[in-house]
Amino acid sequence: MGHVDHGKTSLLDAIRKTSVVSGEAGGITQHIGAYQVEHNGQKITFIDTPGHAAFTAMRARGAQATDIAILVVAADDSVMPQTIESINHAKAANVPIIVAINKIDKHEADPQKVRNQLLQHEVFVESMGGEVLDVEVSAKNKLNLDKLLEAVLLQAEILDLKADPSRTAEGTVIEAQLDRGRGAVATVLIQKGTLRPGEIIVAGDQWGRVRALVNDKGDHVKEAGPATPVEVLGLSGTPAAGDRFAVVENEARAREISEYRQRLARDKAAARQSGQRGSLEQMMTQLQNTGFKEFPLVIKGDVQGSIEAIIGALDKLGTDEVRARIVHSGAGGITESDISLAEASNAAIIGFNVRANAQARAAAERAGTEIRYYNIIYDLVDDVKAAMSGLLSPERRETFLGNAEILEVFNITKTGKVAGCRVIEGKVERGAGVRLVRDNVVIHEGKLKTLKRFKDEVAEVPMGQECGMAFENYEDIRAGDTIECFRVEHITRTL
């Protein structure tokens, strides 16, 4: 795992080139996303997760696919936002980290700076008196790759990782897709036992008889033992990443399990419409019922300073009985990755002066995760405090009305700046509250001074139409900004 462009894939390529037989043209044929290399006669399987979204999706389904996380940090770029996210994801999953400090061939590389910055995020490398192994590597010059592999094997020895190859196979689905020629293809990682063609497996809510097993080099294999990544052909449909798979004794059993799971999935989807999972109220009931001591939160804010202030304030709230646990915090809008992390950790999401983008909103809807927006730190702290003590203040419920996109800005002598907008979602109403959003960060909140269609003042403008808007006492508007329109009502809380 690691930040974008820090060289995760090139590092993997370099490791594979040094261990792939030179006679094989073009390296890998199928993109499995999981590769096996051999070092000193021992095998290591690497899973190249596209970002950590996949990693978290697996965790949200309770699958522990990886034993060790390699955190790739570029020596010239040091610790970046996604590096911090990766650390939080690995810690939340309880997976030991090995740090690979990449790009040390560059003259501006400063590996010591990386080690110092990792300290702030509680990753203590050995030279700093900690437990975490770190290796300086260069994917480009193939430097110290063997040292990295040795560090992995050493860590594996400490963890005493063992599996029984003689039992029936079980494991995790890493990814699955429908292939035009081959039908449903699932890439699985076998974690126990040995899988062979002809066996009947259930993966998530799908089942099938294994038609063929294909390894990462594109060859058909007769069997696959523990820690082997293979593509499985023959499933009835595509399971989800992170689903568990297991071999069952006969088709009737397989059909029964998969129908039961499909029914469960349908019921769950129906239940999700009615109830929410990562919501503050839910947590309160949990606190009262179980005396549950932690309160997981994901916090996103507009600037690092306000995030630190929020975390500081929440830290002070903690008592012996209850305290907030910040699963992840960062500056910028709320993304899909935040939603998946919140889902995996059962956390609520708090946005301070930021908004969720459209994909994140849809994902939160699907996961039933609550996103609460604030623009005053005291309100935020009060709400969390109230939730912790089991009493919620009257809810300031916001109904989202619509979004408008600013196409251009006009200067008009008497009124000042007017934004020429198109309504792209919902509708815009006069007299409702409005926010100006730039790059998913809220810049201004207030009321509309005017809402016009052509020359006329109107009460509302529906989706797809264009209109002119001006804010009360606010002029800094630019083309490309979004205007969000909402209505606020205060509702007394009931539990």
Protein backbone atom coordinates (compact mmCIF):
# COMPACT_ATOMS: atom_id res chain seq x y z
CA MET A 1 0.00 0.00 0.00
CA GLY A 2 1.06 3.59 -0.29
CA HIS A 3 0.48 6.97 -1.89
CA VAL A 4 -0.23 7.27 -5.60
CA ASP A 5 2.97 7.40 -7.72
CA HIS A 6 5.21 6.27 -4.89
CA GLY A 7 6.05 3.20 -6.97
CA LYS A 8 3.94 0.32 -5.62
CA THR A 9 3.45 -1.35 -8.98
CA SER A 10 6.95 -0.69 -10.30
CA LEU A 11 8.36 -2.19 -7.10
CA LEU A 12 6.22 -5.28 -7.63
CA ASP A 13 7.29 -5.45 -11.27
CA ALA A 14 10.93 -5.24 -10.26
CA ILE A 15 10.48 -8.01 -7.67
CA ARG A 16 8.70 -10.17 -10.23
CA LYS A 17 11.27 -9.57 -12.98
CA THR A 18 14.06 -10.70 -10.68
CA SER A 19 12.15 -13.86 -9.84
CA VAL A 20 10.30 -14.58 -13.11
CA VAL A 21 12.10 -16.98 -15.44
CA SER A 22 13.70 -14.94 -18.20
CA GLY A 23 12.35 -17.32 -20.86
CA GLU A 24 8.82 -16.12 -20.26
CA ALA A 25 7.85 -13.44 -22.74
CA GLY A 26 5.96 -10.44 -21.42
CA GLY A 27 5.90 -11.58 -17.80
CA ILE A 28 2.35 -12.00 -16.67
CA THR A 29 -0.55 -12.58 -19.01
CA GLN A 30 -3.67 -12.26 -16.87
CA HIS A 31 -3.98 -9.36 -14.52
CA ILE A 32 -4.70 -11.28 -11.37
CA GLY A 33 -3.61 -8.58 -8.97
CA ALA A 34 -1.92 -11.33 -6.95
CA TYR A 35 1.51 -12.77 -7.76
CA GLN A 36 3.70 -15.40 -6.22
CA VAL A 37 7.50 -15.16 -6.10
CA GLU A 38 10.07 -17.51 -4.64
CA HIS A 39 12.98 -16.38 -2.48
CA ASN A 40 15.49 -18.76 -0.87
CA GLY A 41 13.10 -21.62 -1.63
CA GLN A 42 10.22 -19.95 0.21
CA LYS A 43 7.14 -18.58 -1.51
CA ILE A 44 5.67 -15.12 -1.00
CA THR A 45 2.34 -14.01 -2.46
CA PHE A 46 1.88 -10.31 -3.21
CA ILE A 47 -1.54 -8.75 -3.61
CA ASP A 48 -1.41 -5.53 -5.58
CA THR A 49 -4.48 -3.70 -4.36
CA PRO A 50 -5.53 -0.80 -6.56
CA GLY A 51 -5.30 1.72 -3.75
CA HIS A 52 -6.55 0.47 -0.42
CA ALA A 53 -10.20 0.56 -1.36
CA ALA A 54 -10.06 -3.15 -2.16
CA PHE A 55 -8.19 -3.86 1.05
CA THR A 56 -10.90 -2.17 3.09
CA ALA A 57 -13.73 -3.73 1.10
CA MET A 58 -12.30 -7.09 2.10
CA ARG A 59 -12.09 -6.02 5.73
CA ALA A 60 -15.64 -4.74 5.71
CA ARG A 61 -16.66 -8.30 4.88
CA GLY A 62 -14.48 -9.63 7.67
CA ALA A 63 -11.84 -11.22 5.46
CA GLN A 64 -8.24 -11.07 6.57
CA ALA A 65 -6.56 -11.74 3.24
CA THR A 66 -3.13 -10.36 4.07
CA ASP A 67 -0.62 -11.29 6.76
CA ILE A 68 1.75 -8.37 6.22
CA ALA A 69 1.34 -4.91 4.68
CA ILE A 70 4.24 -3.34 2.80
CA LEU A 71 3.99 0.42 3.05
CA VAL A 72 5.73 2.01 0.06
CA VAL A 73 6.96 5.56 0.69
CA ALA A 74 8.93 7.57 -1.88
CA ALA A 75 12.14 8.91 -0.36
CA ASP A 76 11.90 12.20 -2.28
CA ASP A 77 8.23 12.80 -1.52
CA SER A 78 7.99 11.39 2.01
CA VAL A 79 4.71 10.87 3.88
CA MET A 80 1.62 11.94 1.91
CA PRO A 81 -2.15 11.89 2.64
CA GLN A 82 -2.68 8.42 1.17
CA THR A 83 0.37 7.14 3.04
CA ILE A 84 -1.38 8.16 6.27
CA GLU A 85 -4.60 6.54 5.04
CA SER A 86 -2.71 3.33 4.29
CA ILE A 87 -1.21 3.34 7.80
CA ASN A 88 -4.69 3.80 9.32
CA HIS A 89 -6.10 1.01 7.17
CA ALA A 90 -3.29 -1.39 8.12
CA LYS A 91 -3.60 -0.53 11.81
CA ALA A 92 -7.36 -0.90 11.80
CA ALA A 93 -6.85 -4.36 10.26
CA ASN A 94 -4.21 -5.27 12.83
CA VAL A 95 -1.68 -6.15 10.14
CA PRO A 96 2.07 -5.69 10.81
CA ILE A 97 3.73 -3.12 8.53
CA ILE A 98 7.06 -3.31 6.72
CA VAL A 99 8.20 0.04 5.33
CA ALA A 100 9.78 0.07 1.86
CA ILE A 101 11.46 3.42 1.30
CA ASN A 102 11.50 3.60 -2.51
CA LYS A 103 13.28 5.83 -5.06
CA ILE A 104 16.50 6.12 -3.04
CA ASP A 105 18.38 6.38 -6.37
CA LYS A 106 17.15 9.98 -6.70
CA HIS A 107 19.60 12.65 -5.55
CA GLU A 108 16.92 14.48 -3.55
CA ALA A 109 16.03 11.30 -1.66
CA ASP A 110 15.97 11.69 2.13
CA PRO A 111 15.14 8.37 3.81
CA GLN A 112 15.77 9.76 7.30
CA LYS A 113 13.04 12.35 6.79
CA VAL A 114 10.62 9.52 5.94
CA ARG A 115 11.51 7.73 9.19
CA ASN A 116 11.02 10.91 11.20
CA GLN A 117 7.65 11.63 9.62
CA LEU A 118 6.47 8.06 10.20
CA LEU A 119 7.09 8.61 13.93
CA GLN A 120 4.29 11.19 14.01
CA HIS A 121 1.88 8.50 12.82
CA GLU A 122 3.08 5.96 15.36
CA VAL A 123 5.04 3.83 12.94
CA PHE A 124 8.32 3.27 14.78
CA VAL A 125 11.06 1.77 12.59
CA GLU A 126 13.91 -0.24 14.07
CA SER A 127 16.59 2.44 13.75
CA MET A 128 14.29 4.68 15.81
CA GLY A 129 13.96 2.06 18.53
CA GLY A 130 10.73 0.52 17.25
CA GLU A 131 9.63 -2.88 15.97
CA VAL A 132 8.83 -2.01 12.35
CA LEU A 133 11.31 -3.27 9.74
CA ASP A 134 12.30 -0.75 7.07
CA VAL A 135 14.26 -1.32 3.85
CA GLU A 136 15.65 1.30 1.48
CA VAL A 137 14.96 0.14 -2.07
CA SER A 138 15.03 1.36 -5.64
CA ALA A 139 12.60 -0.30 -8.03
CA LYS A 140 14.30 1.46 -10.95
CA ASN A 141 17.82 0.21 -10.19
CA LYS A 142 16.62 -3.09 -8.63
CA LEU A 143 18.42 -2.19 -5.42
CA ASN A 144 17.95 -4.10 -2.14
CA LEU A 145 14.93 -6.06 -3.43
CA ASP A 146 16.35 -9.25 -1.88
CA LYS A 147 16.60 -7.40 1.44
CA LEU A 148 12.92 -6.50 1.23
CA LEU A 149 11.98 -10.14 0.56
CA GLU A 150 14.19 -11.25 3.46
CA ALA A 151 12.41 -8.75 5.72
CA VAL A 152 9.07 -10.28 4.66
CA LEU A 153 10.30 -13.82 5.38
CA LEU A 154 11.70 -12.70 8.73
CA GLN A 155 8.37 -11.13 9.67
CA ALA A 156 6.59 -14.31 8.57
CA GLU A 157 8.84 -16.35 10.81
CA ILE A 158 8.07 -14.09 13.79
CA LEU A 159 4.33 -14.38 13.07
CA ASP A 160 4.67 -18.17 12.69
CA LEU A 161 2.40 -18.34 9.64
CA LYS A 162 1.34 -21.92 8.93
CA ALA A 163 -1.48 -23.68 7.07
CA ASP A 164 -2.58 -27.27 6.57
CA PRO A 165 -2.47 -28.25 2.87
CA SER A 166 -4.19 -31.61 3.35
CA ARG A 167 -7.66 -30.38 4.37
CA THR A 168 -10.46 -29.09 2.11
CA ALA A 169 -9.76 -25.69 0.63
CA GLU A 170 -10.93 -22.35 2.03
CA GLY A 171 -9.93 -18.80 1.24
CA THR A 172 -10.86 -15.32 0.06
CA VAL A 173 -12.00 -13.86 -3.25
CA ILE A 174 -9.67 -11.02 -4.27
CA GLU A 175 -11.58 -9.92 -7.35
CA ALA A 176 -14.09 -11.35 -9.79
CA GLN A 177 -15.34 -10.38 -13.20
CA LEU A 178 -17.42 -11.68 -16.08
CA ASP A 179 -15.15 -12.66 -18.94
CA ARG A 180 -16.71 -12.83 -22.41
CA GLY A 181 -15.08 -16.12 -23.34
CA ARG A 182 -14.73 -17.80 -19.98
CA GLY A 183 -17.83 -16.79 -18.01
CA ALA A 184 -17.50 -15.80 -14.36
CA VAL A 185 -13.83 -15.72 -13.33
CA ALA A 186 -12.91 -15.28 -9.67
CA THR A 187 -9.37 -14.60 -8.50
CA VAL A 188 -9.05 -16.35 -5.16
CA LEU A 189 -6.36 -16.63 -2.54
CA ILE A 190 -6.30 -20.07 -0.95
CA GLN A 191 -5.68 -19.80 2.80
CA LYS A 192 -6.21 -23.36 4.01
CA GLY A 193 -6.11 -26.72 2.26
CA THR A 194 -5.63 -27.50 -1.42
CA LEU A 195 -8.06 -26.73 -4.26
CA ARG A 196 -8.36 -29.03 -7.30
CA PRO A 197 -10.42 -28.92 -10.51
CA GLY A 198 -13.71 -30.84 -10.27
CA GLU A 199 -14.40 -29.79 -6.67
CA ILE A 200 -17.61 -27.94 -5.83
CA ILE A 201 -17.17 -24.54 -4.17
CA VAL A 202 -19.37 -21.85 -2.70
CA ALA A 203 -18.01 -18.30 -2.93
CA GLY A 204 -20.15 -15.66 -1.23
CA ASP A 205 -23.65 -16.22 -2.60
CA GLN A 206 -22.45 -18.00 -5.79
CA TRP A 207 -21.47 -21.62 -6.36
CA GLY A 208 -20.03 -23.83 -9.08
CA ARG A 209 -17.89 -26.79 -9.99
CA VAL A 210 -14.25 -25.78 -10.57
CA ARG A 211 -13.69 -26.16 -14.33
CA ALA A 212 -10.10 -24.98 -14.34
CA LEU A 213 -7.46 -23.30 -12.17
CA VAL A 214 -5.17 -20.74 -13.83
CA ASN A 215 -2.08 -19.38 -12.04
CA ASP A 216 -0.61 -15.90 -12.29
CA LYS A 217 1.54 -16.90 -15.27
CA GLY A 218 -1.51 -17.97 -17.24
CA ASP A 219 -0.84 -21.73 -16.96
CA HIS A 220 -3.50 -24.28 -16.01
CA VAL A 221 -2.59 -26.03 -12.78
CA LYS A 222 -3.74 -29.36 -11.30
CA GLU A 223 -3.86 -28.10 -7.71
CA ALA A 224 -3.35 -24.95 -5.65
CA GLY A 225 -2.15 -25.04 -2.03
CA PRO A 226 -2.23 -22.47 0.79
CA ALA A 227 -1.22 -18.87 -0.08
CA THR A 228 -1.54 -19.59 -3.80
CA PRO A 229 -3.44 -17.06 -5.91
CA VAL A 230 -5.42 -18.64 -8.77
CA GLU A 231 -8.22 -17.78 -11.14
CA VAL A 232 -11.17 -20.13 -10.74
CA LEU A 233 -13.42 -20.85 -13.72
CA GLY A 234 -16.86 -22.43 -13.41
CA LEU A 235 -18.81 -20.28 -10.93
CA SER A 236 -22.49 -19.52 -11.58
CA GLY A 237 -21.98 -15.76 -11.14
CA THR A 238 -19.45 -13.25 -9.84
CA PRO A 239 -18.93 -13.08 -6.05
CA ALA A 240 -17.78 -9.84 -4.40
CA ALA A 241 -14.19 -8.98 -3.49
CA GLY A 242 -13.59 -10.09 0.08
CA ASP A 243 -16.16 -12.90 0.02
CA ARG A 244 -15.02 -16.17 1.62
CA PHE A 245 -15.04 -19.35 -0.44
CA ALA A 246 -15.04 -22.98 0.70
CA VAL A 247 -15.26 -26.44 -0.83
CA VAL A 248 -18.52 -28.31 -0.08
CA GLU A 249 -19.36 -32.00 -0.42
CA ASN A 250 -22.07 -31.94 -3.12
CA GLU A 251 -24.13 -29.77 -5.47
CA ALA A 252 -27.29 -29.89 -3.37
CA ARG A 253 -25.45 -28.47 -0.38
CA ALA A 254 -23.81 -25.80 -2.54
CA ARG A 255 -27.12 -24.74 -4.02
CA GLU A 256 -28.73 -24.62 -0.59
CA ILE A 257 -25.98 -22.41 0.88
CA SER A 258 -25.91 -20.01 -2.05
CA GLU A 259 -29.73 -19.62 -2.11
CA TYR A 260 -29.74 -18.98 1.64
CA ARG A 261 -27.04 -16.31 1.26
CA GLN A 262 -28.81 -14.64 -1.65
CA ARG A 263 -31.95 -14.47 0.48
CA LEU A 264 -29.94 -12.97 3.35
CA ALA A 265 -28.46 -10.36 1.02
CA ARG A 266 -31.94 -9.37 -0.17
CA ASP A 267 -33.25 -9.11 3.41
CA LYS A 268 -30.25 -7.05 4.41
CA ALA A 269 -30.79 -4.66 1.53
CA ALA A 270 -34.42 -4.25 2.58
CA ALA A 271 -33.46 -3.71 6.23
CA ARG A 272 -30.85 -1.15 5.24
CA GLN A 273 -33.53 1.02 3.69
CA SER A 274 -35.16 1.31 7.12
CA GLY A 275 -32.23 1.44 9.52
CA GLN A 276 -28.79 2.97 9.50
CA ARG A 277 -25.61 1.34 10.62
CA GLY A 278 -22.86 3.84 11.30
CA SER A 279 -25.06 6.48 12.84
CA LEU A 280 -24.56 8.33 16.09
CA GLU A 281 -27.91 7.12 17.43
CA GLN A 282 -27.00 3.54 16.74
CA MET A 283 -23.78 4.00 18.64
CA MET A 284 -25.65 5.41 21.57
CA THR A 285 -27.93 2.41 21.83
CA GLN A 286 -24.84 0.25 21.52
CA LEU A 287 -23.20 2.17 24.36
CA GLN A 288 -26.26 1.73 26.57
CA ASN A 289 -26.72 -1.94 25.78
CA THR A 290 -23.18 -3.19 25.91
CA GLY A 291 -21.34 -0.54 27.87
CA PHE A 292 -19.28 -0.40 24.70
CA LYS A 293 -16.28 1.82 25.39
CA GLU A 294 -15.23 3.21 22.05
CA PHE A 295 -16.77 5.60 19.66
CA PRO A 296 -15.25 5.22 16.19
CA LEU A 297 -15.25 8.30 13.94
CA VAL A 298 -13.84 9.26 10.55
CA ILE A 299 -13.19 13.00 10.38
CA LYS A 300 -12.62 15.08 7.24
CA GLY A 301 -12.07 18.83 7.36
CA ASP A 302 -11.18 21.75 5.13
CA VAL A 303 -7.74 22.39 6.62
CA GLN A 304 -5.36 20.37 8.78
CA GLY A 305 -5.54 22.99 11.56
CA SER A 306 -9.24 22.61 12.20
CA ILE A 307 -8.93 18.81 12.14
CA GLU A 308 -6.27 18.94 14.83
CA ALA A 309 -8.46 21.27 16.88
CA ILE A 310 -11.40 18.86 16.55
CA ILE A 311 -9.32 15.84 17.51
CA GLY A 312 -7.89 17.77 20.48
CA ALA A 313 -11.37 18.74 21.63
CA LEU A 314 -12.68 15.18 21.24
CA ASP A 315 -9.70 13.81 23.17
CA LYS A 316 -10.61 16.03 26.12
CA LEU A 317 -14.16 14.64 26.07
CA GLY A 318 -13.05 11.08 26.81
CA THR A 319 -13.88 9.71 30.23
CA ASP A 320 -12.97 6.37 31.80
CA GLU A 321 -16.14 4.90 30.36
CA VAL A 322 -16.24 6.28 26.85
CA ARG A 323 -13.86 7.84 24.42
CA ALA A 324 -13.80 8.76 20.75
CA ARG A 325 -11.50 6.72 18.57
CA ILE A 326 -10.46 8.53 15.42
CA VAL A 327 -10.15 5.81 12.78
CA HIS A 328 -8.94 8.26 10.16
CA SER A 329 -8.73 12.00 9.67
CA GLY A 330 -7.63 14.10 6.72
CA ALA A 331 -8.07 17.37 4.86
CA GLY A 332 -10.30 17.54 1.79
CA GLY A 333 -13.71 16.34 0.64
CA ILE A 334 -15.24 13.04 1.74
CA THR A 335 -14.31 10.27 -0.70
CA GLU A 336 -15.43 6.72 -1.37
CA SER A 337 -12.35 5.44 0.43
CA ASP A 338 -13.52 7.22 3.61
CA ILE A 339 -16.92 5.54 3.32
CA SER A 340 -15.41 2.07 2.93
CA LEU A 341 -13.12 2.65 5.92
CA ALA A 342 -16.07 3.85 8.01
CA GLU A 343 -18.07 0.81 6.90
CA ALA A 344 -15.27 -1.56 7.84
CA SER A 345 -14.81 0.05 11.25
CA ASN A 346 -18.51 0.75 11.88
CA ALA A 347 -17.69 4.42 12.28
CA ALA A 348 -19.77 7.54 11.71
CA ILE A 349 -18.37 10.15 9.33
CA ILE A 350 -18.03 13.78 10.29
CA GLY A 351 -17.40 16.47 7.71
CA PHE A 352 -16.22 19.87 8.88
CA ASN A 353 -16.71 22.49 6.18
CA VAL A 354 -16.42 19.80 3.50
CA ARG A 355 -18.84 17.83 1.35
CA ALA A 356 -18.99 14.27 0.10
CA ASN A 357 -18.63 13.87 -3.65
CA ALA A 358 -21.36 12.14 -5.65
CA GLN A 359 -19.71 8.68 -5.60
CA ALA A 360 -19.20 8.92 -1.83
CA ARG A 361 -22.82 9.98 -1.30
CA ALA A 362 -24.03 6.97 -3.27
CA ALA A 363 -21.66 4.64 -1.38
CA ALA A 364 -22.83 6.01 1.99
CA GLU A 365 -26.43 5.48 0.93
CA ARG A 366 -25.64 1.87 0.01
CA ALA A 367 -23.68 1.18 3.18
CA GLY A 368 -26.17 2.96 5.42
CA THR A 369 -23.35 5.06 6.89
CA GLU A 370 -24.28 8.42 8.34
CA ILE A 371 -22.39 11.53 7.22
CA ARG A 372 -22.87 14.54 9.48
CA TYR A 373 -21.80 17.98 8.30
CA TYR A 374 -20.73 20.76 10.63
CA ASN A 375 -19.31 24.24 10.29
CA ILE A 376 -18.93 25.13 13.97
CA ILE A 377 -16.53 23.11 16.09
CA TYR A 378 -18.64 23.58 19.25
CA ASP A 379 -21.72 22.05 17.60
CA LEU A 380 -19.67 19.09 16.47
CA VAL A 381 -18.11 18.52 19.88
CA ASP A 382 -21.49 18.98 21.60
CA ASP A 383 -23.13 16.40 19.36
CA VAL A 384 -20.42 13.82 19.89
CA LYS A 385 -20.48 14.53 23.62
CA ALA A 386 -24.26 14.20 23.67
CA ALA A 387 -24.06 10.96 21.74
CA MET A 388 -21.45 9.66 24.17
CA SER A 389 -23.54 10.50 27.21
CA GLY A 390 -26.57 9.03 25.48
CA LEU A 391 -28.60 12.20 24.99
CA LEU A 392 -28.88 13.85 21.63
CA SER A 393 -29.70 17.51 21.20
CA PRO A 394 -32.57 18.53 18.90
CA GLU A 395 -31.50 17.56 15.46
CA ARG A 396 -30.92 20.27 12.95
CA ARG A 397 -32.16 18.25 10.04
CA GLU A 398 -31.07 19.38 6.64
CA THR A 399 -33.00 18.48 3.56
CA PHE A 400 -30.84 18.62 0.47
CA LEU A 401 -32.77 20.46 -2.22
CA GLY A 402 -30.40 20.71 -5.16
CA ASN A 403 -27.08 21.62 -6.71
CA ALA A 404 -26.39 24.28 -9.30
CA GLU A 405 -23.19 24.70 -11.25
CA ILE A 406 -21.84 28.20 -11.91
CA LEU A 407 -21.25 28.61 -15.64
CA GLU A 408 -20.06 32.21 -15.54
CA VAL A 409 -20.03 35.27 -13.31
CA PHE A 410 -21.40 38.68 -14.33
CA ASN A 411 -20.70 42.06 -12.76
CA ILE A 412 -23.87 44.12 -12.54
CA THR A 413 -23.61 47.70 -11.36
CA LYS A 414 -26.33 47.87 -8.71
CA THR A 415 -26.42 44.27 -7.51
CA GLY A 416 -22.72 43.38 -7.64
CA LYS A 417 -21.67 39.91 -8.77
CA VAL A 418 -24.30 37.56 -10.15
CA ALA A 419 -23.64 33.91 -10.94
CA GLY A 420 -25.11 32.47 -14.11
CA CYS A 421 -25.92 28.87 -13.14
CA ARG A 422 -27.46 25.68 -14.37
CA VAL A 423 -29.33 23.47 -11.89
CA ILE A 424 -27.75 20.01 -12.22
CA GLU A 425 -29.49 18.12 -9.42
CA GLY A 426 -32.82 18.60 -7.62
CA LYS A 427 -34.06 22.20 -7.55
CA VAL A 428 -33.10 25.57 -6.11
CA GLU A 429 -35.50 27.57 -3.94
CA ARG A 430 -35.51 31.17 -2.90
CA GLY A 431 -35.37 31.67 0.85
CA ALA A 432 -33.61 28.37 1.42
CA GLY A 433 -30.06 28.20 2.74
CA VAL A 434 -27.23 28.03 0.22
CA ARG A 435 -23.60 27.03 0.34
CA LEU A 436 -20.83 27.77 -2.10
CA VAL A 437 -18.72 24.66 -2.63
CA ARG A 438 -15.33 24.69 -4.38
CA ASP A 439 -13.49 21.34 -4.81
CA ASN A 440 -15.79 19.70 -2.22
CA VAL A 441 -14.85 22.32 0.38
CA VAL A 442 -17.46 24.78 1.66
CA ILE A 443 -16.36 28.37 1.19
CA HIS A 444 -19.45 30.30 2.19
CA GLU A 445 -22.82 29.64 3.71
CA GLY A 446 -25.68 32.10 3.63
CA LYS A 447 -28.85 33.15 1.85
CA LEU A 448 -29.68 34.12 -1.69
CA LYS A 449 -30.25 37.78 -2.46
CA THR A 450 -31.80 37.14 -5.86
CA LEU A 451 -32.97 34.16 -7.87
CA LYS A 452 -33.90 35.07 -11.44
CA ARG A 453 -35.00 33.35 -14.62
CA PHE A 454 -34.26 35.84 -17.39
CA LYS A 455 -35.54 39.14 -15.96
CA ASP A 456 -38.04 37.76 -13.44
CA GLU A 457 -37.60 36.94 -9.77
CA VAL A 458 -38.82 33.36 -9.25
CA ALA A 459 -39.56 31.17 -6.22
CA GLU A 460 -37.80 28.07 -7.51
CA VAL A 461 -35.85 26.74 -10.48
CA PRO A 462 -36.12 23.04 -11.42
CA MET A 463 -33.33 20.75 -12.64
CA GLY A 464 -31.90 21.36 -16.10
CA GLN A 465 -32.82 25.06 -16.22
CA GLU A 466 -30.54 28.04 -16.05
CA CYS A 467 -30.86 30.95 -13.64
CA GLY A 468 -29.06 33.90 -12.11
CA MET A 469 -28.16 33.94 -8.41
CA ALA A 470 -26.56 36.48 -6.12
CA PHE A 471 -25.58 35.93 -2.47
CA GLU A 472 -26.28 38.33 0.38
CA ASN A 473 -23.03 40.10 1.38
CA TYR A 474 -20.72 37.76 -0.50
CA GLU A 475 -18.88 38.31 -3.75
CA ASP A 476 -16.10 35.75 -4.17
CA ILE A 477 -17.79 33.45 -6.66
CA ARG A 478 -16.06 31.77 -9.60
CA ALA A 479 -17.09 29.80 -12.65
CA GLY A 480 -16.92 26.07 -11.90
CA ASP A 481 -18.07 26.40 -8.27
CA THR A 482 -21.16 24.53 -7.12
CA ILE A 483 -24.02 26.12 -5.23
CA GLU A 484 -25.76 23.72 -2.87
CA CYS A 485 -29.28 24.53 -1.75
CA PHE A 486 -30.79 23.10 1.47
CA ARG A 487 -33.63 23.59 3.91
CA VAL A 488 -33.13 23.41 7.68
CA GLU A 489 -35.63 22.29 10.28
CA HIS A 490 -35.13 21.56 13.98
CA ILE A 491 -36.55 18.26 15.18
CA THR A 492 -36.56 17.10 18.77
CA ARG A 493 -34.72 13.83 19.11
CA THR A 494 -36.49 10.67 20.06
CA LEU A 495 -34.88 7.31 20.61
